[in-house]
């Protein structure tokens, strides 16, 4: 049996689209043995009411400490399926995708699997800006050591790894994938689209600054690296997404040893490359993006050496079934 586990916090109209896509998937694939679980992270909008509009959804509301890792763990704990399909509440799954990876008689064909995600980017006023792909476009399926907000995994592997690390406010999915990869179960990313993702652009002016000042940026970049320092599978993604941070640290060390700060021009070179690569994906000034990356890189280096991760106490996790 497959369990669809949806998590959300104040997703509004996106959540309705998500629920509808799950029911469309069940109908398209003629699923007879399945369940739908929605875990709400104490939303203040009408998310619970939207969930109640659909029959047969088990609704759980978190009333204690919330984050995506906690929500996914609750969904898995309350599930009865042997295949767990995790979905973020701002995603619409593609009904045709499931038949590629799941057979009703034999279950999940792969241990840990996902696909391409098509982003529908909006500004903070929910005005549509354009489409992009969350991952590089694949000509064939590939094995990856990281995932995203949507994936399917065998419950036995979920249980074996004890699910998500609740101390990660963000990046908990990457931590989970890295642990599974180290055990010999990397994520199979199929080339087909698994979901449409309705989201605010990741480099939206308000969103990108908030990631720094909220501290969320430290989880998938700093705390993840600390935890997986001996895990070789983390370094490919680390270099790809944090090459300006690495170059800043490298050229700063060289400058201090040589007493020649002209070496920092090497960092500026990598910074210009990063701004140039992302300039078409943002709707703000390049200079602001330049300042953002400088502050981001300095913050990540300082946090790596000096910032402790805030631990979540299990007694602070509370939730209830909504009837």
Protein backbone atom coordinates (compact mmCIF):
# COMPACT_ATOMS: atom_id res chain seq x y z
CA UNK A 1 0.00 0.00 0.00
CA UNK A 2 1.14 3.54 -0.70
CA UNK A 3 0.76 6.41 1.76
CA UNK A 4 0.58 9.95 0.35
CA UNK A 5 1.98 12.24 3.06
CA UNK A 6 1.42 15.95 2.48
CA UNK A 7 2.91 18.61 4.74
CA UNK A 8 2.01 22.28 4.76
CA UNK A 9 1.95 25.62 6.52
CA UNK A 10 -0.28 28.43 5.23
CA UNK A 11 -0.22 27.16 1.63
CA UNK A 12 -3.72 28.44 0.77
CA UNK A 13 -4.83 27.81 -2.83
CA UNK A 14 -1.69 25.78 -3.51
CA UNK A 15 -2.80 23.20 -0.97
CA UNK A 16 -6.12 22.65 -2.74
CA UNK A 17 -4.24 22.02 -5.98
CA UNK A 18 -1.99 19.58 -4.15
CA UNK A 19 -4.90 17.58 -2.70
CA UNK A 20 -6.69 17.50 -6.04
CA UNK A 21 -3.56 16.22 -7.78
CA UNK A 22 -3.30 13.34 -5.29
CA UNK A 23 -6.91 12.32 -5.90
CA UNK A 24 -6.32 12.63 -9.67
CA UNK A 25 -3.29 10.36 -9.29
CA UNK A 26 -5.31 7.77 -7.38
CA UNK A 27 -8.02 7.82 -10.04
CA UNK A 28 -5.61 7.75 -13.00
CA UNK A 29 -3.65 4.81 -11.57
CA UNK A 30 -6.79 2.99 -10.33
CA UNK A 31 -5.29 2.69 -6.85
CA UNK A 32 -7.35 0.61 -4.46
CA UNK A 33 -4.91 0.39 -1.56
CA UNK A 34 -3.75 3.83 -0.51
CA UNK A 35 -4.19 6.52 2.11
CA UNK A 36 -3.80 10.30 2.22
CA UNK A 37 -2.33 12.00 5.28
CA UNK A 38 -2.06 15.75 5.71
CA UNK A 39 0.16 17.14 8.48
CA UNK A 40 -0.44 20.83 9.14
CA UNK A 41 2.26 22.88 10.88
CA UNK A 42 -0.16 25.02 12.88
CA UNK A 43 -1.38 27.10 9.93
CA UNK A 44 -3.14 30.39 10.60
CA UNK A 45 -4.98 30.41 7.26
CA UNK A 46 -7.78 28.12 6.04
CA UNK A 47 -5.52 25.10 5.34
CA UNK A 48 -7.42 22.77 7.69
CA UNK A 49 -10.76 23.78 6.14
CA UNK A 50 -9.37 23.14 2.67
CA UNK A 51 -8.27 19.65 3.74
CA UNK A 52 -11.73 18.94 5.16
CA UNK A 53 -13.28 19.63 1.75
CA UNK A 54 -11.80 16.33 0.55
CA UNK A 55 -13.04 12.97 1.78
CA UNK A 56 -10.76 10.33 3.25
CA UNK A 57 -7.88 12.62 4.24
CA UNK A 58 -6.44 11.99 7.70
CA UNK A 59 -5.60 15.41 9.09
CA UNK A 60 -3.06 15.97 11.85
CA UNK A 61 -2.32 19.40 13.28
CA UNK A 62 0.98 20.16 14.99
CA UNK A 63 0.40 22.29 18.06
CA UNK A 64 3.93 22.21 19.47
CA UNK A 65 7.25 22.98 17.78
CA UNK A 66 7.03 22.86 13.99
CA UNK A 67 9.29 22.26 11.03
CA UNK A 68 9.16 20.12 7.89
CA UNK A 69 11.20 17.31 9.46
CA UNK A 70 8.80 17.05 12.40
CA UNK A 71 5.80 17.08 10.05
CA UNK A 72 7.20 14.32 7.84
CA UNK A 73 8.07 12.18 10.85
CA UNK A 74 4.52 12.52 12.17
CA UNK A 75 3.09 11.59 8.76
CA UNK A 76 5.30 8.50 8.54
CA UNK A 77 4.49 7.48 12.12
CA UNK A 78 0.74 7.65 11.43
CA UNK A 79 0.99 5.89 8.06
CA UNK A 80 0.20 2.25 7.37
CA UNK A 81 1.66 1.93 3.87
CA UNK A 82 4.90 0.20 2.95
CA UNK A 83 5.68 2.95 0.41
CA UNK A 84 5.80 6.59 1.57
CA UNK A 85 5.13 9.35 -0.98
CA UNK A 86 6.18 12.66 0.61
CA UNK A 87 4.77 15.83 -0.96
CA UNK A 88 5.14 19.49 -0.02
CA UNK A 89 1.80 21.28 0.13
CA UNK A 90 2.72 23.73 -2.64
CA UNK A 91 3.23 20.96 -5.19
CA UNK A 92 0.92 19.30 -7.71
CA UNK A 93 2.00 15.75 -8.48
CA UNK A 94 1.78 14.50 -12.06
CA UNK A 95 -0.64 11.51 -12.17
CA UNK A 96 1.23 9.74 -15.01
CA UNK A 97 4.50 9.70 -13.06
CA UNK A 98 3.43 7.15 -10.45
CA UNK A 99 3.03 4.30 -12.94
CA UNK A 100 6.76 4.63 -13.76
CA UNK A 101 7.83 3.77 -10.22
CA UNK A 102 4.97 2.01 -8.47
CA UNK A 103 3.03 -1.17 -9.14
CA UNK A 104 -0.11 -1.82 -7.10
CA UNK A 105 0.60 -5.54 -6.83
CA UNK A 106 4.36 -5.44 -6.27
CA UNK A 107 4.77 -2.04 -4.59
CA UNK A 108 7.55 0.50 -5.13
CA UNK A 109 9.93 -0.54 -7.91
CA UNK A 110 12.86 1.38 -6.43
CA UNK A 111 14.14 1.93 -2.90
CA UNK A 112 14.23 5.73 -3.04
CA UNK A 113 13.01 7.68 -6.05
CA UNK A 114 11.94 11.09 -7.31
CA UNK A 115 11.89 13.03 -10.58
CA UNK A 116 12.20 16.44 -12.17
CA UNK A 117 10.25 19.34 -10.63
CA UNK A 118 8.87 22.20 -12.73
CA UNK A 119 8.74 25.46 -10.81
CA UNK A 120 5.95 27.96 -11.30
CA UNK A 121 7.55 31.10 -9.88
CA UNK A 122 5.52 33.90 -8.27
CA UNK A 123 6.29 37.14 -6.50
CA UNK A 124 5.07 37.84 -2.96
CA UNK A 125 1.73 39.04 -4.40
CA UNK A 126 1.17 35.65 -6.09
CA UNK A 127 1.68 37.14 -9.54
CA UNK A 128 3.07 34.57 -11.95
CA UNK A 129 6.59 35.36 -13.17
CA UNK A 130 7.63 32.37 -15.23
CA UNK A 131 8.77 28.75 -15.19
CA UNK A 132 12.06 27.10 -14.35
CA UNK A 133 13.29 23.61 -13.52
CA UNK A 134 14.42 22.80 -10.01
CA UNK A 135 17.09 20.34 -11.14
CA UNK A 136 19.25 20.05 -14.23
CA UNK A 137 17.38 18.57 -17.18
CA UNK A 138 18.28 14.90 -17.54
CA UNK A 139 18.42 12.89 -20.75
CA UNK A 140 18.32 9.70 -18.67
CA UNK A 141 17.75 8.68 -15.06
CA UNK A 142 20.57 9.38 -12.61
CA UNK A 143 21.45 8.50 -9.03
CA UNK A 144 21.80 11.53 -6.73
CA UNK A 145 22.80 11.99 -3.10
CA UNK A 146 20.33 14.81 -2.42
CA UNK A 147 16.59 15.15 -2.85
CA UNK A 148 13.92 17.85 -2.54
CA UNK A 149 10.47 18.31 -1.07
CA UNK A 150 8.99 15.40 -3.00
CA UNK A 151 10.12 11.77 -3.08
CA UNK A 152 8.96 8.18 -2.56
CA UNK A 153 10.80 5.79 -0.27
CA UNK A 154 10.24 2.31 1.07
CA UNK A 155 9.08 2.48 4.66
CA UNK A 156 11.64 -0.10 5.75
CA UNK A 157 14.42 2.32 4.74
CA UNK A 158 12.67 5.21 6.45
CA UNK A 159 12.47 3.16 9.64
CA UNK A 160 16.07 2.02 9.32
CA UNK A 161 17.34 5.62 9.18
CA UNK A 162 14.85 6.81 11.84
CA UNK A 163 13.35 9.31 9.42
CA UNK A 164 14.14 13.01 9.41
CA UNK A 165 16.48 14.82 11.79
CA UNK A 166 14.11 17.16 13.67
CA UNK A 167 16.93 19.58 14.45
CA UNK A 168 17.04 20.70 10.80
CA UNK A 169 14.65 23.59 10.10
CA UNK A 170 15.72 23.37 6.46
CA UNK A 171 17.83 20.90 4.51
CA UNK A 172 16.31 17.96 6.38
CA UNK A 173 15.54 16.22 3.08
CA UNK A 174 19.18 16.52 1.96
CA UNK A 175 20.36 15.16 5.30
CA UNK A 176 18.02 12.18 4.88
CA UNK A 177 19.25 11.52 1.34
CA UNK A 178 22.90 11.76 2.36
CA UNK A 179 22.35 9.21 5.14
CA UNK A 180 20.61 6.81 2.76
CA UNK A 181 23.31 7.29 0.12
CA UNK A 182 26.00 6.44 2.66
CA UNK A 183 24.08 3.22 3.42
CA UNK A 184 24.09 2.36 -0.28
CA UNK A 185 20.65 3.65 -1.26
CA UNK A 186 21.08 6.85 -3.31
CA UNK A 187 18.06 8.64 -4.75
CA UNK A 188 17.11 7.61 -8.26
CA UNK A 189 16.08 10.83 -10.00
CA UNK A 190 14.06 9.96 -13.05
CA UNK A 191 14.11 12.35 -15.99
CA UNK A 192 10.30 12.66 -16.04
CA UNK A 193 8.49 15.43 -14.16
CA UNK A 194 7.08 14.26 -10.84
CA UNK A 195 5.41 17.53 -9.82
CA UNK A 196 4.66 21.18 -10.57
CA UNK A 197 5.92 23.41 -7.77
CA UNK A 198 4.07 26.67 -7.08
CA UNK A 199 6.60 28.80 -5.23
CA UNK A 200 7.98 32.24 -4.62
CA UNK A 201 11.20 32.60 -6.64
CA UNK A 202 14.13 31.42 -4.49
CA UNK A 203 16.01 34.60 -5.39
CA UNK A 204 13.06 36.88 -4.79
CA UNK A 205 14.40 39.97 -3.00
CA UNK A 206 12.37 39.47 0.19
CA UNK A 207 12.84 35.70 0.29
CA UNK A 208 16.60 35.68 -0.20
CA UNK A 209 17.27 38.27 2.52
CA UNK A 210 14.91 36.46 4.88
CA UNK A 211 16.90 33.24 4.55
CA UNK A 212 19.91 35.02 6.06
CA UNK A 213 18.23 37.03 8.80
CA UNK A 214 16.00 34.13 9.89
CA UNK A 215 19.01 31.83 10.13
CA UNK A 216 17.44 29.27 7.79
CA UNK A 217 20.38 29.51 5.41
CA UNK A 218 22.70 27.89 7.96
CA UNK A 219 20.86 24.55 8.05
CA UNK A 220 21.39 23.23 4.48
CA UNK A 221 24.83 24.85 4.20
CA UNK A 222 26.57 24.95 7.59
CA UNK A 223 24.93 22.42 9.89
CA UNK A 224 24.55 19.87 7.09
CA UNK A 225 28.26 20.07 6.31
CA UNK A 226 29.21 19.73 9.97
CA UNK A 227 27.11 16.59 10.32
CA UNK A 228 28.36 15.01 7.09
CA UNK A 229 31.97 16.18 7.12
CA UNK A 230 33.15 12.58 6.66
CA UNK A 231 30.49 11.78 4.05
CA UNK A 232 32.13 12.07 0.61
CA UNK A 233 28.75 12.40 -1.09
CA UNK A 234 28.17 15.91 0.26
CA UNK A 235 31.10 17.57 -1.47
CA UNK A 236 29.83 17.62 -5.06
CA UNK A 237 26.77 19.65 -4.06
CA UNK A 238 28.80 21.73 -1.63
CA UNK A 239 31.15 22.92 -4.37
CA UNK A 240 28.33 23.49 -6.84
CA UNK A 241 26.21 25.69 -4.58
CA UNK A 242 28.86 27.23 -2.32
CA UNK A 243 31.88 27.83 -4.55
CA UNK A 244 31.93 31.56 -3.71
CA UNK A 245 31.95 30.76 0.02
CA UNK A 246 34.79 28.29 -0.48
CA UNK A 247 36.74 30.78 -2.60
CA UNK A 248 36.29 33.53 0.01
CA UNK A 249 37.70 31.30 2.73
CA UNK A 250 40.56 30.13 0.52
CA UNK A 251 41.63 33.58 -0.67
CA UNK A 252 41.21 35.06 2.81
CA UNK A 253 43.62 32.46 4.24
CA UNK A 254 46.13 33.10 1.44
CA UNK A 255 45.84 36.87 1.99
CA UNK A 256 46.51 36.51 5.72
CA UNK A 257 49.55 34.29 5.17
CA UNK A 258 51.04 36.47 2.41
CA UNK A 259 49.92 39.79 3.86
CA UNK A 260 48.65 40.63 0.37
CA UNK A 261 44.93 41.31 0.23
CA UNK A 262 44.93 41.56 -3.54
CA UNK A 263 44.29 37.81 -3.41
CA UNK A 264 40.68 38.67 -2.48
CA UNK A 265 40.18 39.83 -6.07
CA UNK A 266 39.99 36.12 -6.85
CA UNK A 267 36.89 35.94 -4.66
CA UNK A 268 35.40 38.94 -6.46
CA UNK A 269 35.97 37.12 -9.77
CA UNK A 270 33.96 34.07 -8.61
CA UNK A 271 31.31 36.40 -7.18
CA UNK A 272 30.85 38.17 -10.52
CA UNK A 273 30.45 34.78 -12.22
CA UNK A 274 27.72 33.78 -9.76
CA UNK A 275 25.83 37.07 -10.15
CA UNK A 276 26.11 36.79 -13.93
CA UNK A 277 24.74 33.22 -13.91
CA UNK A 278 21.74 34.19 -11.76
CA UNK A 279 20.96 37.61 -13.20
CA UNK A 280 18.17 36.32 -15.46
CA UNK A 281 16.49 34.49 -12.57
CA UNK A 282 15.89 37.51 -10.36
CA UNK A 283 13.91 40.70 -10.63
CA UNK A 284 16.17 43.01 -8.71
CA UNK A 285 19.40 44.88 -9.29
CA UNK A 286 22.63 42.97 -9.85
CA UNK A 287 24.35 45.12 -7.21
CA UNK A 288 21.84 43.97 -4.59
CA UNK A 289 22.43 40.36 -5.59
CA UNK A 290 26.19 41.00 -5.28
CA UNK A 291 25.74 42.33 -1.74
CA UNK A 292 23.51 39.40 -0.84
CA UNK A 293 26.16 36.85 -1.85
CA UNK A 294 28.88 38.74 0.05
CA UNK A 295 26.81 38.81 3.25
CA UNK A 296 25.75 35.18 2.68
CA UNK A 297 29.34 33.97 2.29
CA UNK A 298 30.62 35.87 5.33
CA UNK A 299 27.69 34.62 7.42
CA UNK A 300 28.22 30.99 6.39
CA UNK A 301 31.92 31.05 7.27
CA UNK A 302 31.31 32.67 10.67
CA UNK A 303 28.42 30.30 11.42
CA UNK A 304 30.48 27.22 10.54
CA UNK A 305 33.04 28.01 13.22
CA UNK A 306 30.96 29.74 15.89
CA UNK A 307 27.20 29.09 15.60
CA UNK A 308 25.71 26.11 17.50
CA UNK A 309 22.63 24.35 16.13
CA UNK A 310 19.49 24.74 18.19
CA UNK A 311 18.29 21.35 19.41
CA UNK A 312 14.60 20.46 19.33
CA UNK A 313 13.33 18.76 22.48
CA UNK A 314 11.09 15.78 21.78
CA UNK A 315 8.73 16.80 24.59
CA UNK A 316 7.98 20.01 22.66
CA UNK A 317 6.54 18.03 19.74
CA UNK A 318 2.75 17.86 20.08
CA UNK A 319 0.04 17.15 17.55
CA UNK A 320 -3.53 15.91 17.36
CA UNK A 321 -5.91 14.24 14.90
CA UNK A 322 -8.40 16.70 13.42
CA UNK A 323 -11.91 15.29 13.13
